[in-house]
Amino acid sequence: MPALNKVQLIGRVGRDPEIKNLGSSKVAKFSIAISEKYKGEERTEWQNIAIWNKPADFAEKYVSKG
């Protein structure tokens, strides 16, 4: 039986989604900045995100930089 992994990333969108149509599929690509403070020092990690089909439609309508 295949395993299912779930990840939640909470941060700020670094750029507006780049939308591409690939035949019958759609892909949205953007980046998220995830910041954390540890002992008074702030560290930011950038994650590149690619989502497909219906979630890409949602990102096209509702996701924007900031």
N, C-alpha and C. Protein backbone atom coordinates (compact mmCIF):
# COMPACT_ATOMS: atom_id res chain seq x y z
N MET A 1 0.85 -1.18 0.00
CA MET A 1 0.00 0.00 0.00
C MET A 1 0.90 1.24 0.00
N PRO A 2 0.65 2.21 -0.89
CA PRO A 2 1.50 3.40 -0.96
C PRO A 2 1.29 4.31 0.26
N ALA A 3 2.34 5.00 0.64
CA ALA A 3 2.29 5.93 1.77
C ALA A 3 1.86 7.31 1.27
N LEU A 4 1.24 8.07 2.14
CA LEU A 4 0.81 9.43 1.82
C LEU A 4 1.55 10.40 2.74
N ASN A 5 2.20 11.38 2.16
CA ASN A 5 2.89 12.40 2.92
C ASN A 5 2.17 13.72 2.74
N LYS A 6 2.05 14.48 3.83
CA LYS A 6 1.39 15.77 3.78
C LYS A 6 2.32 16.81 4.37
N VAL A 7 2.44 17.94 3.68
CA VAL A 7 3.32 19.01 4.13
C VAL A 7 2.55 20.31 4.10
N GLN A 8 2.69 21.13 5.14
CA GLN A 8 2.10 22.46 5.17
C GLN A 8 3.23 23.47 5.28
N LEU A 9 3.29 24.38 4.32
CA LEU A 9 4.28 25.44 4.33
C LEU A 9 3.55 26.76 4.56
N ILE A 10 3.97 27.48 5.59
CA ILE A 10 3.34 28.75 5.92
C ILE A 10 4.40 29.83 5.80
N GLY A 11 4.15 30.78 4.93
CA GLY A 11 5.11 31.85 4.71
C GLY A 11 4.54 32.90 3.78
N ARG A 12 5.44 33.68 3.19
CA ARG A 12 5.02 34.73 2.27
C ARG A 12 5.41 34.35 0.84
N VAL A 13 4.51 34.65 -0.08
CA VAL A 13 4.76 34.36 -1.50
C VAL A 13 5.77 35.39 -2.02
N GLY A 14 6.85 34.90 -2.61
CA GLY A 14 7.93 35.77 -3.06
C GLY A 14 7.75 36.34 -4.45
N ARG A 15 6.95 35.70 -5.28
CA ARG A 15 6.68 36.20 -6.63
C ARG A 15 5.31 35.70 -7.07
N ASP A 16 4.70 36.45 -7.99
CA ASP A 16 3.40 36.04 -8.51
C ASP A 16 3.55 34.71 -9.25
N PRO A 17 2.53 33.86 -9.19
CA PRO A 17 2.62 32.56 -9.86
C PRO A 17 2.84 32.71 -11.37
N GLU A 18 3.71 31.88 -11.89
CA GLU A 18 3.94 31.78 -13.33
C GLU A 18 3.09 30.61 -13.82
N ILE A 19 2.12 30.91 -14.68
CA ILE A 19 1.16 29.91 -15.13
C ILE A 19 1.55 29.43 -16.53
N LYS A 20 1.57 28.10 -16.70
CA LYS A 20 1.84 27.51 -18.02
C LYS A 20 0.77 26.47 -18.32
N ASN A 21 0.29 26.49 -19.56
CA ASN A 21 -0.64 25.47 -20.03
C ASN A 21 0.16 24.43 -20.80
N LEU A 22 0.03 23.18 -20.39
CA LEU A 22 0.74 22.07 -21.03
C LEU A 22 -0.28 21.08 -21.58
N GLY A 23 -0.80 21.39 -22.74
CA GLY A 23 -1.83 20.52 -23.31
C GLY A 23 -3.09 20.60 -22.48
N SER A 24 -3.49 19.49 -21.89
CA SER A 24 -4.71 19.47 -21.07
C SER A 24 -4.42 19.77 -19.60
N SER A 25 -3.17 20.02 -19.25
CA SER A 25 -2.79 20.31 -17.86
C SER A 25 -2.34 21.76 -17.72
N LYS A 26 -2.40 22.26 -16.50
CA LYS A 26 -1.94 23.60 -16.17
C LYS A 26 -1.01 23.48 -14.97
N VAL A 27 0.07 24.27 -14.96
CA VAL A 27 1.00 24.27 -13.84
C VAL A 27 1.24 25.71 -13.40
N ALA A 28 1.30 25.91 -12.08
CA ALA A 28 1.62 27.22 -11.49
C ALA A 28 2.90 27.06 -10.69
N LYS A 29 3.87 27.95 -10.93
CA LYS A 29 5.14 27.92 -10.22
C LYS A 29 5.36 29.24 -9.51
N PHE A 30 5.77 29.17 -8.23
CA PHE A 30 6.08 30.36 -7.44
C PHE A 30 6.98 29.96 -6.29
N SER A 31 7.44 30.92 -5.50
CA SER A 31 8.30 30.62 -4.36
C SER A 31 7.68 31.17 -3.08
N ILE A 32 8.02 30.52 -1.96
CA ILE A 32 7.53 30.92 -0.65
C ILE A 32 8.73 31.14 0.27
N ALA A 33 8.72 32.27 1.00
CA ALA A 33 9.75 32.55 2.00
C ALA A 33 9.23 32.12 3.36
N ILE A 34 9.98 31.26 4.02
CA ILE A 34 9.60 30.77 5.35
C ILE A 34 10.65 31.27 6.33
N SER A 35 10.23 32.11 7.27
CA SER A 35 11.16 32.72 8.22
C SER A 35 10.94 32.15 9.61
N GLU A 36 12.04 32.07 10.37
CA GLU A 36 11.96 31.66 11.77
C GLU A 36 12.99 32.43 12.57
N LYS A 37 12.67 32.68 13.83
CA LYS A 37 13.61 33.35 14.73
C LYS A 37 14.12 32.34 15.74
N TYR A 38 15.43 32.38 15.95
CA TYR A 38 16.05 31.48 16.91
C TYR A 38 17.15 32.25 17.62
N LYS A 39 17.01 32.41 18.94
CA LYS A 39 17.98 33.13 19.77
C LYS A 39 18.25 34.53 19.22
N GLY A 40 17.17 35.24 18.84
CA GLY A 40 17.29 36.60 18.36
C GLY A 40 17.76 36.76 16.92
N GLU A 41 18.06 35.66 16.26
CA GLU A 41 18.52 35.71 14.87
C GLU A 41 17.41 35.18 13.96
N GLU A 42 17.13 35.93 12.88
CA GLU A 42 16.10 35.50 11.95
C GLU A 42 16.73 34.81 10.74
N ARG A 43 16.15 33.70 10.35
CA ARG A 43 16.64 32.92 9.21
C ARG A 43 15.48 32.70 8.24
N THR A 44 15.74 32.90 6.96
CA THR A 44 14.71 32.73 5.93
C THR A 44 15.15 31.66 4.94
N GLU A 45 14.25 30.75 4.67
CA GLU A 45 14.48 29.70 3.67
C GLU A 45 13.45 29.89 2.55
N TRP A 46 13.90 29.73 1.31
CA TRP A 46 13.01 29.85 0.15
C TRP A 46 12.69 28.46 -0.38
N GLN A 47 11.41 28.23 -0.63
CA GLN A 47 10.95 26.96 -1.19
C GLN A 47 10.30 27.24 -2.54
N ASN A 48 10.70 26.51 -3.58
CA ASN A 48 10.07 26.61 -4.89
C ASN A 48 8.89 25.66 -4.94
N ILE A 49 7.75 26.17 -5.40
CA ILE A 49 6.50 25.42 -5.41
C ILE A 49 6.01 25.25 -6.84
N ALA A 50 5.55 24.06 -7.18
CA ALA A 50 4.89 23.79 -8.47
C ALA A 50 3.62 23.01 -8.18
N ILE A 51 2.49 23.53 -8.61
CA ILE A 51 1.21 22.85 -8.39
C ILE A 51 0.51 22.69 -9.73
N TRP A 52 -0.30 21.65 -9.84
CA TRP A 52 -0.88 21.25 -11.12
C TRP A 52 -2.41 21.29 -11.10
N ASN A 53 -2.99 21.47 -12.28
CA ASN A 53 -4.41 21.35 -12.58
C ASN A 53 -5.31 22.23 -11.71
N LYS A 54 -6.27 21.68 -10.95
CA LYS A 54 -7.21 22.51 -10.20
C LYS A 54 -6.53 23.39 -9.15
N PRO A 55 -5.56 22.90 -8.39
CA PRO A 55 -4.86 23.81 -7.48
C PRO A 55 -4.14 24.95 -8.22
N ALA A 56 -3.67 24.69 -9.45
CA ALA A 56 -3.04 25.74 -10.25
C ALA A 56 -4.07 26.80 -10.64
N ASP A 57 -5.30 26.38 -10.94
CA ASP A 57 -6.37 27.35 -11.22
C ASP A 57 -6.62 28.24 -10.00
N PHE A 58 -6.65 27.63 -8.82
CA PHE A 58 -6.84 28.39 -7.58
C PHE A 58 -5.71 29.39 -7.39
N ALA A 59 -4.47 28.95 -7.59
CA ALA A 59 -3.31 29.84 -7.42
C ALA A 59 -3.36 30.99 -8.40
N GLU A 60 -3.79 30.73 -9.62
CA GLU A 60 -3.88 31.78 -10.65
C GLU A 60 -4.84 32.88 -10.21
N LYS A 61 -5.94 32.50 -9.56
CA LYS A 61 -6.95 33.48 -9.15
C LYS A 61 -6.60 34.19 -7.84
N TYR A 62 -6.05 33.47 -6.85
CA TYR A 62 -5.98 33.99 -5.50
C TYR A 62 -4.59 34.20 -4.91
N VAL A 63 -3.55 33.67 -5.52
CA VAL A 63 -2.20 33.79 -4.95
C VAL A 63 -1.48 34.96 -5.62
N SER A 64 -0.88 35.82 -4.79
CA SER A 64 -0.09 36.94 -5.34
C SER A 64 1.05 37.25 -4.38
N LYS A 65 2.03 37.96 -4.88
CA LYS A 65 3.23 38.29 -4.12
C LYS A 65 2.86 39.05 -2.84
N GLY A 66 3.58 38.72 -1.78
CA GLY A 66 3.38 39.44 -0.53
C GLY A 66 2.88 38.54 0.52
